[in-house]
Amino acid sequence: MLVFNFFAECLNRAPGLINNNVNLVKKVAFPLEILPWMCIGTALFHAAISLLVWMLFALYVYHMLQWTLIFLPLVMLPLVFMTLGICWIISSLGVYIRDIGQLIGVMTSFIMFMSPIFYPIESLPKMVQAILHVNPLTFMIQQARAVMISGQLPDFAMIGIFTLASLVFAWLALAWFQRAREGFSDVL
């Protein structure tokens, strides 16, 4: 849930990032691309508090923490960049399509049920596993579960690939945002 809640919080706040800060768009020369970073920072703070609560729970129930927990920031890194890219796209679309917030709420619920949050992916039939592996959150959730609960090392090679892919995606999303930003003041 920690991984998904971080993602969902950013996704649900993204449509209103620009619309809720109209004064920054019209009156001040402000780098609007920072707004999704602020959203990411807030969600990371909430994730850190959730992690602290989980650690206290794990200490109480299991009387220990897995040493591999130190790799959780590495596991979260590609998710941060992927989420940042999605926030740039959705926040720019939120200016032009006002009702996208309602759609994002429904999509977030759908993504939650299409992610192996409440169940291990191995408990599903092979065909369903293949469908769930299309969801990029599946890998992140599995890696977080491995380092937090199972005490396994993360798959460093795949994390590297995911990080590179999410950086490229975030860069393309920033280009999209910069292009869409030209019309923000006209629409708002």
Protein backbone atom coordinates (compact mmCIF):
# COMPACT_ATOMS: atom_id res chain seq x y z
CA MET A 1 0.00 0.00 0.00
CA LEU A 2 2.91 2.36 0.69
CA VAL A 3 4.00 2.35 -2.96
CA PHE A 4 0.47 2.62 -4.32
CA ASN A 5 -0.57 5.38 -1.90
CA PHE A 6 2.40 7.50 -2.98
CA PHE A 7 1.44 7.04 -6.63
CA ALA A 8 -2.28 7.57 -6.05
CA GLU A 9 -1.81 10.73 -3.98
CA CYS A 10 0.25 12.35 -6.74
CA LEU A 11 -2.10 11.18 -9.47
CA ASN A 12 -5.20 12.47 -7.69
CA ARG A 13 -3.68 15.89 -6.96
CA ALA A 14 -2.20 16.41 -10.43
CA PRO A 15 -5.31 17.62 -12.33
CA GLY A 16 -5.72 20.65 -10.09
CA LEU A 17 -2.08 21.66 -9.70
CA ILE A 18 -2.21 24.44 -12.28
CA ASN A 19 -5.89 25.36 -11.86
CA ASN A 20 -5.45 25.83 -8.11
CA ASN A 21 -2.49 28.18 -8.64
CA VAL A 22 -3.87 30.58 -11.25
CA ASN A 23 -2.11 33.52 -9.62
CA LEU A 24 1.24 31.86 -10.35
CA VAL A 25 0.31 31.41 -14.00
CA LYS A 26 -0.97 34.92 -14.71
CA LYS A 27 0.75 37.39 -12.42
CA VAL A 28 4.18 36.06 -11.59
CA ALA A 29 7.02 34.69 -13.66
CA PHE A 30 7.04 31.34 -11.87
CA PRO A 31 8.48 28.04 -13.09
CA LEU A 32 5.25 26.03 -13.14
CA GLU A 33 7.12 22.77 -13.71
CA ILE A 34 8.02 22.92 -10.00
CA LEU A 35 4.40 22.35 -8.90
CA PRO A 36 4.49 18.58 -9.58
CA TRP A 37 7.77 18.40 -7.66
CA MET A 38 5.98 19.90 -4.66
CA CYS A 39 3.26 17.28 -5.03
CA ILE A 40 5.93 14.55 -5.16
CA GLY A 41 7.63 15.97 -2.06
CA THR A 42 4.39 16.01 -0.10
CA ALA A 43 3.57 12.44 -1.13
CA LEU A 44 7.10 11.30 -0.21
CA PHE A 45 6.67 12.87 3.23
CA HIS A 46 3.40 11.00 3.69
CA ALA A 47 5.09 7.80 2.49
CA ALA A 48 7.90 8.32 5.02
CA ILE A 49 5.35 8.68 7.84
CA SER A 50 3.58 5.54 6.61
CA LEU A 51 6.91 3.72 6.48
CA LEU A 52 7.65 4.76 10.05
CA VAL A 53 4.28 3.42 11.20
CA TRP A 54 4.89 0.19 9.27
CA MET A 55 8.35 -0.16 10.85
CA LEU A 56 6.89 0.22 14.35
CA PHE A 57 4.25 -2.37 13.48
CA ALA A 58 6.88 -4.77 12.08
CA LEU A 59 9.03 -4.35 15.19
CA TYR A 60 6.04 -5.02 17.43
CA VAL A 61 4.76 -8.05 15.50
CA TYR A 62 7.97 -9.62 14.12
CA HIS A 63 10.44 -8.15 16.66
CA MET A 64 12.79 -7.26 13.80
CA LEU A 65 13.18 -5.32 10.58
CA GLN A 66 14.71 -6.73 7.42
CA TRP A 67 18.15 -5.27 6.74
CA THR A 68 17.22 -5.01 3.06
CA LEU A 69 14.84 -2.18 3.99
CA ILE A 70 17.76 0.16 3.28
CA PHE A 71 17.16 -0.48 -0.44
CA LEU A 72 13.60 0.91 -0.37
CA PRO A 73 14.67 4.40 -1.58
CA LEU A 74 16.38 2.73 -4.55
CA VAL A 75 13.19 0.80 -5.29
CA MET A 76 11.13 4.00 -5.08
CA LEU A 77 13.44 6.05 -7.35
CA PRO A 78 12.02 4.91 -10.71
CA LEU A 79 8.51 5.32 -9.35
CA VAL A 80 9.27 8.93 -8.37
CA PHE A 81 10.39 9.84 -11.89
CA MET A 82 7.52 7.96 -13.55
CA THR A 83 5.03 9.67 -11.24
CA LEU A 84 6.62 13.05 -11.91
CA GLY A 85 6.17 12.55 -15.65
CA ILE A 86 2.56 11.50 -15.21
CA CYS A 87 1.93 14.54 -12.99
CA TRP A 88 3.34 16.89 -15.64
CA ILE A 89 1.06 15.38 -18.29
CA ILE A 90 -2.07 15.26 -16.14
CA SER A 91 -1.58 18.73 -14.65
CA SER A 92 -1.24 20.23 -18.12
CA LEU A 93 -4.29 18.33 -19.33
CA GLY A 94 -6.20 19.51 -16.25
CA VAL A 95 -5.98 23.08 -17.51
CA TYR A 96 -7.66 22.25 -20.81
CA ILE A 97 -9.94 19.39 -19.71
CA ARG A 98 -11.52 20.44 -16.43
CA ASP A 99 -13.28 17.13 -15.70
CA ILE A 100 -10.16 15.00 -15.90
CA GLY A 101 -10.01 14.91 -12.09
CA GLN A 102 -13.12 12.72 -11.92
CA LEU A 103 -11.65 10.35 -14.50
CA ILE A 104 -8.36 10.14 -12.61
CA GLY A 105 -10.18 9.12 -9.42
CA VAL A 106 -11.83 6.21 -11.21
CA MET A 107 -8.58 5.25 -12.93
CA THR A 108 -6.74 5.25 -9.58
CA SER A 109 -9.24 2.76 -8.16
CA PHE A 110 -8.89 0.59 -11.25
CA ILE A 111 -5.09 0.68 -11.01
CA MET A 112 -5.28 -0.36 -7.36
CA PHE A 113 -7.18 -3.52 -8.22
CA MET A 114 -4.87 -4.22 -11.17
CA SER A 115 -1.82 -4.12 -8.91
CA PRO A 116 -0.67 -6.96 -6.65
CA ILE A 117 -1.15 -5.01 -3.45
CA PHE A 118 -3.37 -7.34 -1.46
CA TYR A 119 -2.10 -10.59 -2.94
CA PRO A 120 1.15 -12.03 -4.29
CA ILE A 121 1.18 -12.15 -8.06
CA GLU A 122 2.30 -15.80 -7.97
CA SER A 123 -1.13 -16.79 -6.57
CA LEU A 124 -2.82 -15.82 -9.84
CA PRO A 125 -3.12 -17.84 -13.07
CA LYS A 126 -0.31 -17.32 -15.59
CA MET A 127 -2.56 -15.45 -18.04
CA VAL A 128 -3.61 -12.94 -15.37
CA GLN A 129 0.02 -12.56 -14.26
CA ALA A 130 0.96 -11.57 -17.79
CA ILE A 131 -1.74 -8.89 -17.79
CA LEU A 132 -0.63 -7.53 -14.41
CA HIS A 133 3.00 -7.32 -15.53
CA VAL A 134 1.94 -4.64 -18.04
CA ASN A 135 1.24 -2.38 -15.05
CA PRO A 136 4.55 -0.67 -14.11
CA LEU A 137 3.43 -0.53 -10.47
CA THR A 138 3.52 -4.33 -10.32
CA PHE A 139 7.31 -4.44 -10.45
CA MET A 140 7.68 -1.64 -7.90
CA ILE A 141 5.23 -3.25 -5.49
CA GLN A 142 6.93 -6.63 -5.81
CA GLN A 143 10.36 -5.09 -5.20
CA ALA A 144 9.09 -3.12 -2.19
CA ARG A 145 7.52 -6.29 -0.78
CA ALA A 146 10.80 -8.16 -1.33
CA VAL A 147 12.97 -5.64 0.53
CA MET A 148 10.48 -4.77 3.27
CA ILE A 149 8.95 -8.13 4.13
CA SER A 150 10.89 -10.99 2.55
CA GLY A 151 14.37 -9.64 3.21
CA GLN A 152 15.44 -10.20 -0.40
CA LEU A 153 17.76 -7.99 -2.38
CA PRO A 154 16.06 -5.99 -5.11
CA ASP A 155 16.61 -6.79 -8.78
CA PHE A 156 19.26 -4.12 -9.39
CA ALA A 157 19.38 -4.66 -13.15
CA MET A 158 15.63 -4.20 -13.61
CA ILE A 159 15.61 -1.22 -11.25
CA GLY A 160 18.32 0.33 -13.42
CA ILE A 161 16.26 -0.30 -16.56
CA PHE A 162 13.10 1.06 -14.92
CA THR A 163 14.99 4.13 -13.68
CA LEU A 164 16.38 4.86 -17.14
CA ALA A 165 12.96 4.35 -18.75
CA SER A 166 11.24 6.54 -16.17
CA LEU A 167 13.84 9.30 -16.63
CA VAL A 168 13.24 9.27 -20.39
CA PHE A 169 9.48 9.30 -19.79
CA ALA A 170 9.79 12.21 -17.34
CA TRP A 171 11.92 14.16 -19.82
CA LEU A 172 9.34 13.62 -22.58
CA ALA A 173 6.54 14.58 -20.18
CA LEU A 174 8.39 17.78 -19.27
CA ALA A 175 8.67 18.62 -22.97
CA TRP A 176 4.90 18.02 -23.25
CA PHE A 177 4.29 20.26 -20.23
CA GLN A 178 6.46 23.08 -21.61
CA ARG A 179 4.63 22.91 -24.91
CA ALA A 180 1.18 22.91 -23.28
CA ARG A 181 2.11 25.68 -20.85
CA GLU A 182 2.14 28.26 -23.64
CA GLY A 183 -1.67 28.36 -23.57
CA PHE A 184 -2.24 28.21 -19.81
CA SER A 185 -2.72 31.94 -19.29
CA ASP A 186 -5.18 32.12 -22.23
CA VAL A 187 -7.34 29.30 -20.87
CA LEU A 188 -7.21 30.35 -17.22
